[in-house]
Amino acid sequence: MKSLLTLIAMVVALFSSHIQAITQVEDIKTFTLKNGMKIMVLEDHSIPNANMYLFWKVGSRNEYPGITGLSHFFEHMMFNGAKKYGPKMFDRTMEAAGGSNNAYTTENLTVYTDWFPVSAIETMFDLEADRIENLAIDEKMVESERGVVTSERSTGLENSNYRAISVEVKNAAFRAHPYSWSVIGHQSDIDNWSLDDLKQYHKTYYAPNNAVVVIAGDVTVKQVKRLAKQYFEPISAQPAPKKVHTVEPEQKGERRVYLQKKSVTTPNVMMAFHVPETQHQDYYALEILNDILSKGDSSRLQKSLINEQQVASSIFSYQPQSIDPNLFYIYGVSAKNVSAEQLEKAIIAEINSIMKNGVTEQELQKVKNTKLVNFYRQMATINGKANTIGSYEMYFGDYKKLFSAPDEYSKVTIDDVQKVAKTYLKKANRTVGILSSTEDSNDADL
């Protein structure tokens, strides 16, 4: 183990010096257009390519009962035509110019990603400006995409045990905050969005003053500024969206939900614990705890539950980056002939062990080193840089904090890890979900 840690430390040092040499905080240039759109530029002339990441400050947290799922729906709609570029023309035009794209929606953000040879940069500005200002929201297209989203929702819940159980756990864990529903929304809301709902949502949340645009690659700040002023600045700003002010009340006792599906072969167990938002001081210690629990074959849950006790066939934990306080998840699938009760008790035993005895210095250092390697690896490509810069700006409140992330991880101590385990992974703060083919009556006795 010692030699492995030494090797990882050497790799970290190598990555660190390389990244430090090519990316400094002062390399990122920012400016804000008259309409409030913030543009961030990182020049990287290593390859003749560039990207444009558009981070829109809208996710399912901005919805309310009646319009749930609209954020995800617009991820579909934004590719379905506008004034200059009609249906299917966004993808066709981009591909003809040698580019490609993608998008994702979370509880907090909707992000559109464009990758292209730098020769196509003006085309990218033209495409994005058209759909931001002139998106076509017509009844025929809306009904078509409504059907697509309905199919995606039903298929996902039917085919994914994880999605099925997470919907129930989130809904039980959150009683006030909009994180309680899934990003895809409630089916009754999907069925009843009106054209006015959609038009108002687009006008409010796809306003230029509600976006951060990151452009990285073989570009110049002067070039980007000229194009941004030409294509983006004429788009009118809108009144700032209403702030999400709902605060989830403190959970004061364990909550449990049970779900049955005929297709389940062995029980699934999900635990969710309330944790603070990403900007909170405990974020990095929780990230370290997360990896100690389930990242890699030598992690606590993998080693104990899969390799030694053989009570789980798979298990992982994670905490999403989040604007508001969210959940820390642990999800496991029972091994053959293992009950949900056995798996749940085994997970709790590992959590209790960390609460009582803490973690070892070797565990801590291994996770720190691995996290830093992964961080530097992500910052080694223009796509990784753009996504990381934008994510830090949105979740941490300032892109500059990404440059202090390595130090923040290195400062986490054994005591810090034990403290966050005791603070957040306690019984009164957890929601437990059980998914099985037939209900196990013994589970209610835990």
Protein backbone atom coordinates (compact mmCIF):
# COMPACT_ATOMS: atom_id res chain seq x y z
CA MET A 1 0.00 0.00 0.00
CA LYS A 2 2.81 2.42 0.88
CA SER A 3 4.49 2.02 -2.52
CA LEU A 4 1.17 2.56 -4.27
CA LEU A 5 0.57 5.76 -2.32
CA THR A 6 4.05 6.94 -3.21
CA LEU A 7 3.41 6.26 -6.89
CA ILE A 8 0.08 8.09 -6.80
CA ALA A 9 1.72 11.04 -5.04
CA MET A 10 4.34 11.22 -7.80
CA VAL A 11 1.63 11.21 -10.46
CA VAL A 12 -0.21 13.97 -8.59
CA ALA A 13 2.94 16.08 -8.52
CA LEU A 14 3.48 15.50 -12.23
CA PHE A 15 -0.10 16.42 -13.11
CA SER A 16 -0.01 19.41 -10.78
CA SER A 17 3.12 20.94 -12.29
CA HIS A 18 1.81 20.33 -15.82
CA ILE A 19 -1.58 21.94 -15.18
CA GLN A 20 -0.06 24.80 -13.23
CA ALA A 21 2.16 25.49 -16.22
CA ILE A 22 -0.71 25.78 -18.70
CA THR A 23 -3.70 27.03 -16.71
CA GLN A 24 -3.55 29.87 -14.23
CA VAL A 25 -6.40 31.89 -12.77
CA GLU A 26 -5.27 34.92 -14.75
CA ASP A 27 -5.57 32.94 -17.99
CA ILE A 28 -9.35 33.06 -17.70
CA LYS A 29 -10.70 36.36 -18.99
CA THR A 30 -14.23 37.48 -18.24
CA PHE A 31 -16.51 40.22 -19.45
CA THR A 32 -20.22 40.96 -19.15
CA LEU A 33 -22.39 42.12 -22.03
CA LYS A 34 -24.80 45.03 -21.67
CA ASN A 35 -27.69 42.56 -21.35
CA GLY A 36 -26.08 40.86 -18.35
CA MET A 37 -24.70 37.73 -20.04
CA LYS A 38 -21.37 36.75 -18.51
CA ILE A 39 -18.72 35.43 -20.90
CA MET A 40 -15.60 33.55 -19.77
CA VAL A 41 -12.75 32.84 -22.17
CA LEU A 42 -9.76 30.53 -21.84
CA GLU A 43 -7.32 30.65 -24.72
CA ASP A 44 -5.74 27.25 -25.42
CA HIS A 45 -3.95 26.99 -28.75
CA SER A 46 -2.80 23.39 -28.34
CA ILE A 47 -5.30 22.15 -30.97
CA PRO A 48 -7.31 24.02 -33.66
CA ASN A 49 -10.59 23.33 -31.87
CA ALA A 50 -12.81 25.18 -29.42
CA ASN A 51 -15.96 24.72 -27.41
CA MET A 52 -18.83 26.77 -26.07
CA TYR A 53 -20.55 25.73 -22.83
CA LEU A 54 -23.74 27.61 -22.01
CA PHE A 55 -24.71 27.30 -18.35
CA TRP A 56 -28.31 28.35 -17.77
CA LYS A 57 -29.32 28.96 -14.17
CA VAL A 58 -32.41 26.81 -14.37
CA GLY A 59 -33.17 23.28 -13.23
CA SER A 60 -35.95 21.42 -11.49
CA ARG A 61 -35.36 23.54 -8.35
CA ASN A 62 -36.86 26.48 -10.27
CA GLU A 63 -40.11 24.64 -10.95
CA TYR A 64 -43.24 24.30 -8.85
CA PRO A 65 -46.18 21.86 -8.78
CA GLY A 66 -48.02 22.20 -12.06
CA ILE A 67 -44.97 22.80 -14.25
CA THR A 68 -42.51 20.17 -13.00
CA GLY A 69 -40.26 18.79 -15.73
CA LEU A 70 -40.18 21.99 -17.81
CA SER A 71 -36.42 22.47 -17.41
CA HIS A 72 -35.72 19.04 -18.84
CA PHE A 73 -38.35 19.56 -21.55
CA PHE A 74 -36.53 22.63 -22.82
CA GLU A 75 -33.38 20.57 -23.19
CA HIS A 76 -35.37 18.81 -25.94
CA MET A 77 -37.11 21.89 -27.31
CA MET A 78 -33.91 23.90 -27.78
CA PHE A 79 -32.93 21.58 -30.65
CA ASN A 80 -36.24 21.81 -32.49
CA GLY A 81 -35.92 24.95 -34.51
CA ALA A 82 -36.02 28.72 -34.24
CA LYS A 83 -36.42 31.63 -36.65
CA LYS A 84 -33.31 31.33 -38.84
CA TYR A 85 -32.53 27.66 -38.30
CA GLY A 86 -35.67 25.51 -38.52
CA PRO A 87 -36.45 22.02 -37.17
CA LYS A 88 -33.41 19.70 -37.10
CA MET A 89 -31.24 22.47 -38.60
CA PHE A 90 -29.25 23.07 -35.42
CA ASP A 91 -27.64 19.64 -35.50
CA ARG A 92 -27.33 19.53 -39.28
CA THR A 93 -25.67 22.94 -39.49
CA MET A 94 -23.27 22.16 -36.69
CA GLU A 95 -22.33 18.76 -38.10
CA ALA A 96 -21.81 20.25 -41.56
CA ALA A 97 -19.32 22.64 -39.98
CA GLY A 98 -17.49 19.73 -38.31
CA GLY A 99 -18.98 20.23 -34.86
CA SER A 100 -21.05 18.25 -32.39
CA ASN A 101 -23.14 19.02 -29.33
CA ASN A 102 -24.88 17.70 -26.27
CA ALA A 103 -26.88 18.95 -23.31
CA TYR A 104 -27.83 17.94 -19.79
CA THR A 105 -30.34 19.04 -17.18
CA THR A 106 -29.90 18.74 -13.42
CA GLU A 107 -31.78 19.86 -10.36
CA ASN A 108 -29.88 23.14 -10.57
CA LEU A 109 -28.74 23.84 -14.13
CA THR A 110 -29.35 23.24 -17.81
CA VAL A 111 -26.10 23.09 -19.79
CA TYR A 112 -25.60 23.06 -23.56
CA THR A 113 -22.24 21.97 -24.94
CA ASP A 114 -20.90 22.74 -28.41
CA TRP A 115 -17.60 21.37 -29.74
CA PHE A 116 -16.26 22.56 -33.09
CA PRO A 117 -13.22 23.41 -35.23
CA VAL A 118 -12.36 27.03 -34.56
CA SER A 119 -13.17 27.89 -38.17
CA ALA A 120 -16.86 27.35 -37.28
CA ILE A 121 -16.99 29.67 -34.28
CA GLU A 122 -19.17 32.33 -35.91
CA THR A 123 -21.65 29.67 -36.98
CA MET A 124 -21.87 28.51 -33.36
CA PHE A 125 -22.64 32.04 -32.15
CA ASP A 126 -25.29 32.41 -34.84
CA LEU A 127 -26.93 29.07 -33.97
CA GLU A 128 -27.03 29.76 -30.24
CA ALA A 129 -28.27 33.32 -30.59
CA ASP A 130 -31.12 32.17 -32.83
CA ARG A 131 -32.48 29.59 -30.42
CA ILE A 132 -31.99 31.81 -27.37
CA GLU A 133 -33.96 34.70 -28.84
CA ASN A 134 -36.29 33.06 -31.34
CA LEU A 135 -37.03 29.49 -30.21
CA ALA A 136 -40.08 28.12 -32.00
CA ILE A 137 -42.67 27.04 -29.44
CA ASP A 138 -45.49 25.83 -31.63
CA GLU A 139 -48.21 23.39 -30.65
CA LYS A 140 -47.27 20.63 -33.10
CA MET A 141 -43.63 20.52 -31.96
CA VAL A 142 -44.60 20.73 -28.30
CA GLU A 143 -46.97 17.78 -28.59
CA SER A 144 -44.33 15.74 -30.39
CA GLU A 145 -41.73 16.36 -27.69
CA ARG A 146 -44.31 15.89 -24.94
CA GLY A 147 -44.72 12.35 -26.24
CA VAL A 148 -40.97 11.82 -26.34
CA VAL A 149 -40.56 12.94 -22.73
CA THR A 150 -43.51 10.81 -21.59
CA SER A 151 -41.93 7.76 -23.22
CA GLU A 152 -38.54 8.59 -21.70
CA ARG A 153 -40.09 8.91 -18.26
CA SER A 154 -42.09 5.67 -18.34
CA THR A 155 -39.27 3.66 -19.94
CA GLY A 156 -36.76 4.97 -17.41
CA LEU A 157 -38.91 4.12 -14.42
CA GLU A 158 -39.70 0.69 -15.82
CA ASN A 159 -36.18 -0.27 -16.91
CA SER A 160 -34.09 1.36 -14.19
CA ASN A 161 -34.46 0.15 -10.63
CA TYR A 162 -32.25 3.01 -9.54
CA ARG A 163 -34.52 5.64 -11.07
CA ALA A 164 -37.61 3.97 -9.66
CA ILE A 165 -36.34 3.90 -6.09
CA SER A 166 -34.65 7.32 -6.21
CA VAL A 167 -37.97 8.98 -7.13
CA GLU A 168 -39.58 7.58 -3.99
CA VAL A 169 -36.62 8.35 -1.73
CA LYS A 170 -36.29 11.96 -2.90
CA ASN A 171 -40.00 12.51 -2.45
CA ALA A 172 -39.85 11.20 1.12
CA ALA A 173 -36.63 13.00 2.06
CA PHE A 174 -37.84 16.42 0.85
CA ARG A 175 -41.20 17.68 2.10
CA ALA A 176 -40.91 21.35 1.12
CA HIS A 177 -38.02 21.99 -1.25
CA PRO A 178 -38.43 21.44 -5.03
CA TYR A 179 -35.63 18.87 -4.98
CA SER A 180 -38.43 16.50 -3.96
CA TRP A 181 -39.39 15.68 -7.55
CA SER A 182 -37.24 14.16 -10.26
CA VAL A 183 -35.75 16.29 -13.02
CA ILE A 184 -38.07 14.70 -15.58
CA GLY A 185 -41.12 15.82 -13.59
CA HIS A 186 -44.54 14.42 -12.70
CA GLN A 187 -46.51 12.79 -15.50
CA SER A 188 -49.67 14.80 -14.77
CA ASP A 189 -47.66 18.01 -15.18
CA ILE A 190 -46.06 16.78 -18.41
CA ASP A 191 -49.57 16.09 -19.73
CA ASN A 192 -50.83 19.56 -18.92
CA TRP A 193 -48.10 22.14 -19.67
CA SER A 194 -49.68 24.92 -21.71
CA LEU A 195 -48.07 26.92 -24.50
CA ASP A 196 -48.20 29.96 -22.22
CA ASP A 197 -46.32 28.01 -19.52
CA LEU A 198 -43.59 27.17 -22.02
CA LYS A 199 -43.29 30.64 -23.52
CA GLN A 200 -43.07 32.30 -20.13
CA TYR A 201 -40.54 29.77 -18.88
CA HIS A 202 -38.30 30.28 -21.90
CA LYS A 203 -38.58 34.07 -21.69
CA THR A 204 -37.72 34.05 -17.99
CA TYR A 205 -34.94 31.49 -17.75
CA TYR A 206 -33.35 31.67 -21.20
CA ALA A 207 -32.73 35.38 -20.86
CA PRO A 208 -29.07 36.39 -21.39
CA ASN A 209 -28.79 37.76 -17.86
CA ASN A 210 -29.51 34.23 -16.57
CA ALA A 211 -26.55 32.57 -18.32
CA VAL A 212 -22.83 32.08 -18.02
CA VAL A 213 -21.02 31.18 -21.25
CA VAL A 214 -17.59 29.53 -21.19
CA ILE A 215 -15.50 29.35 -24.36
CA ALA A 216 -12.20 27.48 -24.36
CA GLY A 217 -9.81 26.54 -27.13
CA ASP A 218 -8.02 28.05 -30.10
CA VAL A 219 -9.70 31.44 -29.81
CA THR A 220 -8.73 34.93 -28.71
CA VAL A 221 -10.51 37.12 -26.21
CA LYS A 222 -10.78 39.86 -28.84
CA GLN A 223 -12.42 37.47 -31.30
CA VAL A 224 -14.90 36.14 -28.74
CA LYS A 225 -15.79 39.62 -27.53
CA ARG A 226 -16.51 40.79 -31.07
CA LEU A 227 -18.77 37.82 -31.80
CA ALA A 228 -20.51 37.99 -28.44
CA LYS A 229 -21.34 41.65 -28.96
CA GLN A 230 -22.55 40.95 -32.49
CA TYR A 231 -24.73 37.90 -31.77
CA PHE A 232 -25.54 37.80 -28.05
CA GLU A 233 -25.64 41.41 -26.89
CA PRO A 234 -28.69 42.42 -29.00
CA ILE A 235 -30.81 39.81 -27.14
CA SER A 236 -32.91 41.62 -24.56
CA ALA A 237 -32.42 41.06 -20.85
CA GLN A 238 -35.42 40.09 -18.73
CA PRO A 239 -36.37 40.68 -15.10
CA ALA A 240 -34.38 38.37 -12.82
CA PRO A 241 -36.18 35.08 -12.07
CA LYS A 242 -37.85 34.71 -8.71
CA LYS A 243 -35.41 33.34 -6.14
CA VAL A 244 -35.94 29.91 -4.64
CA HIS A 245 -36.51 30.76 -0.99
CA THR A 246 -37.95 27.51 0.35
CA VAL A 247 -35.74 25.95 3.02
CA GLU A 248 -36.21 22.26 3.75
CA PRO A 249 -37.10 21.80 7.44
CA GLU A 250 -34.69 19.75 9.52
CA GLN A 251 -35.41 16.04 9.38
CA LYS A 252 -35.81 14.76 12.93
CA GLY A 253 -36.38 11.07 12.42
CA GLU A 254 -35.76 8.23 10.01
CA ARG A 255 -38.17 7.92 7.08
CA ARG A 256 -38.78 4.74 5.12
CA VAL A 257 -40.38 3.94 1.79
CA TYR A 258 -41.12 0.61 0.13
CA LEU A 259 -41.53 -0.09 -3.56
CA GLN A 260 -42.37 -3.28 -5.43
CA LYS A 261 -41.55 -4.21 -9.03
CA LYS A 262 -42.07 -7.61 -10.59
CA SER A 263 -38.82 -7.34 -12.57
CA VAL A 264 -36.62 -7.01 -9.47
CA THR A 265 -34.48 -10.11 -8.95
CA THR A 266 -32.81 -9.13 -5.66
CA PRO A 267 -33.70 -6.32 -3.25
CA ASN A 268 -32.31 -2.81 -3.73
CA VAL A 269 -31.55 -0.50 -0.82
CA MET A 270 -31.08 3.27 -1.06
CA MET A 271 -30.18 5.57 1.81
CA ALA A 272 -30.25 9.35 1.55
CA PHE A 273 -28.90 11.78 4.13
CA HIS A 274 -29.42 15.54 4.14
CA VAL A 275 -26.14 17.42 3.56
CA PRO A 276 -25.30 21.09 2.98
CA GLU A 277 -24.96 22.88 -0.34
CA THR A 278 -21.71 22.71 -2.34
CA GLN A 279 -20.46 26.08 -1.07
CA HIS A 280 -20.56 24.84 2.54
CA GLN A 281 -17.28 24.30 4.38
CA ASP A 282 -18.03 20.57 4.82
CA TYR A 283 -18.25 19.85 1.07
CA TYR A 284 -14.67 18.65 0.61
CA ALA A 285 -14.72 16.42 3.70
CA LEU A 286 -17.97 14.86 2.46
CA GLU A 287 -16.39 14.27 -0.93
CA ILE A 288 -13.48 12.50 0.75
CA LEU A 289 -15.91 10.43 2.85
CA ASN A 290 -17.85 9.54 -0.30
CA ASP A 291 -14.75 8.10 -1.96
CA ILE A 292 -13.59 6.28 1.16
CA LEU A 293 -16.97 4.59 1.29
CA SER A 294 -17.33 3.40 -2.28
CA LYS A 295 -14.71 4.42 -4.85
CA GLY A 296 -12.56 1.47 -5.87
CA ASP A 297 -12.19 -2.14 -4.80
CA SER A 298 -10.43 -1.17 -1.57
CA SER A 299 -13.18 1.26 -0.47
CA ARG A 300 -15.10 0.42 2.71
CA LEU A 301 -18.38 -0.66 1.12
CA GLN A 302 -16.88 -2.41 -1.89
CA LYS A 303 -14.34 -4.36 0.15
CA SER A 304 -16.60 -5.33 3.02
CA LEU A 305 -20.01 -5.84 1.41
CA ILE A 306 -19.01 -7.22 -1.99
CA ASN A 307 -15.63 -8.91 -1.53
CA GLU A 308 -15.78 -10.14 2.07
CA GLN A 309 -19.38 -10.51 3.27
CA GLN A 310 -20.77 -10.97 -0.25
CA VAL A 311 -24.09 -9.38 0.70
CA ALA A 312 -24.10 -6.94 -2.24
CA SER A 313 -23.59 -7.43 -5.97
CA SER A 314 -23.02 -3.69 -6.50
CA ILE A 315 -22.88 -0.60 -4.31
CA PHE A 316 -21.95 3.06 -4.63
CA SER A 317 -22.37 6.40 -2.92
CA TYR A 318 -22.40 9.96 -4.20
CA GLN A 319 -23.39 13.52 -3.44
CA PRO A 320 -24.37 15.84 -6.28
CA GLN A 321 -23.00 19.35 -6.63
CA SER A 322 -25.88 21.53 -5.54
CA ILE A 323 -26.96 25.14 -5.08
CA ASP A 324 -29.14 24.32 -2.07
CA PRO A 325 -28.70 21.68 0.65
CA ASN A 326 -29.22 18.27 -0.94
CA LEU A 327 -28.72 14.55 -0.25
CA PHE A 328 -25.80 12.18 0.18
CA TYR A 329 -26.81 8.83 -1.36
CA ILE A 330 -25.80 5.22 -0.78
CA TYR A 331 -27.30 2.66 -3.16
CA GLY A 332 -26.80 -1.08 -3.09
CA VAL A 333 -28.15 -4.16 -4.83
CA SER A 334 -28.35 -7.33 -2.74
CA ALA A 335 -26.45 -10.43 -3.73
CA LYS A 336 -28.44 -13.58 -4.50
CA ASN A 337 -30.40 -14.89 -1.52
CA VAL A 338 -29.56 -11.80 0.57
CA SER A 339 -32.47 -9.86 2.05
CA ALA A 340 -32.86 -6.09 2.08
CA GLU A 341 -32.55 -6.27 5.88
CA GLN A 342 -29.14 -7.97 5.69
CA LEU A 343 -27.81 -5.46 3.16
CA GLU A 344 -29.14 -2.47 5.07
CA LYS A 345 -27.58 -3.65 8.33
CA ALA A 346 -24.24 -4.21 6.60
CA ILE A 347 -24.25 -0.67 5.17
CA ILE A 348 -25.15 0.82 8.53
CA ALA A 349 -22.37 -1.17 10.22
CA GLU A 350 -19.77 0.39 7.90
CA ILE A 351 -21.13 3.88 8.53
CA ASN A 352 -21.13 3.28 12.29
CA SER A 353 -17.54 2.06 12.11
CA ILE A 354 -16.39 5.34 10.58
CA MET A 355 -18.44 7.32 13.10
CA LYS A 356 -16.90 5.42 16.00
CA ASN A 357 -13.35 4.70 14.83
CA GLY A 358 -12.75 7.17 12.02
CA VAL A 359 -10.69 6.31 8.94
CA THR A 360 -7.02 5.49 8.53
CA GLU A 361 -4.32 7.83 7.29
CA GLN A 362 -3.68 5.48 4.37
CA GLU A 363 -7.33 5.59 3.31
CA LEU A 364 -7.37 9.35 3.56
CA GLN A 365 -4.15 9.88 1.62
CA LYS A 366 -5.09 7.42 -1.11
CA VAL A 367 -8.41 9.16 -1.73
CA LYS A 368 -6.79 12.60 -1.67
CA ASN A 369 -4.21 11.57 -4.24
CA THR A 370 -6.74 9.87 -6.48
CA LYS A 371 -9.06 12.87 -6.34
CA LEU A 372 -6.27 15.20 -7.32
CA VAL A 373 -5.22 12.99 -10.23
CA ASN A 374 -8.80 12.96 -11.48
CA PHE A 375 -9.08 16.72 -11.01
CA TYR A 376 -5.94 17.42 -13.01
CA ARG A 377 -6.89 14.90 -15.67
CA GLN A 378 -10.19 16.73 -16.15
CA MET A 379 -8.34 20.03 -16.48
CA ALA A 380 -6.07 18.60 -19.17
CA THR A 381 -8.59 18.99 -22.03
CA ILE A 382 -10.43 22.05 -23.32
CA ASN A 383 -13.77 20.33 -22.70
CA GLY A 384 -12.83 19.45 -19.16
CA LYS A 385 -11.62 22.98 -18.55
CA ALA A 386 -14.80 24.59 -19.86
CA ASN A 387 -17.07 22.31 -17.84
CA THR A 388 -15.01 22.70 -14.67
CA ILE A 389 -14.73 26.49 -14.97
CA GLY A 390 -18.47 26.84 -15.49
CA SER A 391 -19.34 24.37 -12.73
CA TYR A 392 -17.21 26.20 -10.18
CA GLU A 393 -18.73 29.52 -11.21
CA MET A 394 -22.25 28.15 -10.77
CA TYR A 395 -21.91 25.86 -7.75
CA PHE A 396 -19.09 27.46 -5.80
CA GLY A 397 -20.02 31.03 -6.67
CA ASP A 398 -16.68 31.86 -8.27
CA TYR A 399 -14.64 30.05 -10.93
CA LYS A 400 -11.45 31.13 -9.14
CA LYS A 401 -12.18 28.61 -6.39
CA LEU A 402 -11.28 25.76 -8.74
CA PHE A 403 -7.64 26.79 -8.39
CA SER A 404 -7.81 26.34 -4.61
CA ALA A 405 -9.60 22.96 -4.85
CA PRO A 406 -6.37 20.90 -4.57
CA ASP A 407 -5.51 22.74 -1.36
CA GLU A 408 -9.03 22.29 -0.01
CA TYR A 409 -8.79 18.52 -0.51
CA SER A 410 -5.31 18.39 1.02
CA LYS A 411 -6.47 20.21 4.15
CA VAL A 412 -9.12 17.59 5.01
CA THR A 413 -8.11 15.62 8.12
CA ILE A 414 -9.13 12.30 9.63
CA ASP A 415 -11.08 14.24 12.24
CA ASP A 416 -12.91 16.18 9.51
CA VAL A 417 -14.05 12.96 7.84
CA GLN A 418 -15.22 11.46 11.11
CA LYS A 419 -17.00 14.69 12.02
CA VAL A 420 -19.06 14.88 8.83
CA ALA A 421 -19.94 11.19 9.14
CA LYS A 422 -21.23 11.78 12.68
CA THR A 423 -23.00 15.00 11.71
CA TYR A 424 -24.81 13.88 8.58
CA LEU A 425 -24.93 10.07 8.32
CA LYS A 426 -26.94 9.58 11.49
CA LYS A 427 -30.20 7.65 11.72
CA ALA A 428 -32.44 10.66 12.41
CA ASN A 429 -31.19 12.29 9.21
CA ARG A 430 -31.67 9.37 6.84
CA THR A 431 -34.38 8.22 4.48
CA VAL A 432 -34.29 4.54 3.52
CA GLY A 433 -35.85 3.09 0.40
CA ILE A 434 -36.41 -0.63 -0.17
CA LEU A 435 -37.17 -1.98 -3.63
CA SER A 436 -38.10 -5.64 -4.01
CA SER A 437 -40.30 -7.95 -6.01
CA THR A 438 -42.33 -8.89 -2.92
CA GLU A 439 -42.43 -6.97 0.33
CA ASP A 440 -40.31 -8.38 3.12
CA SER A 441 -42.31 -7.92 6.30
CA ASN A 442 -39.16 -8.12 8.41
CA ASP A 443 -37.84 -4.88 6.94
CA ALA A 444 -40.36 -2.88 8.97
CA ASP A 445 -38.68 -4.03 12.19
CA LEU A 446 -35.34 -2.34 11.52
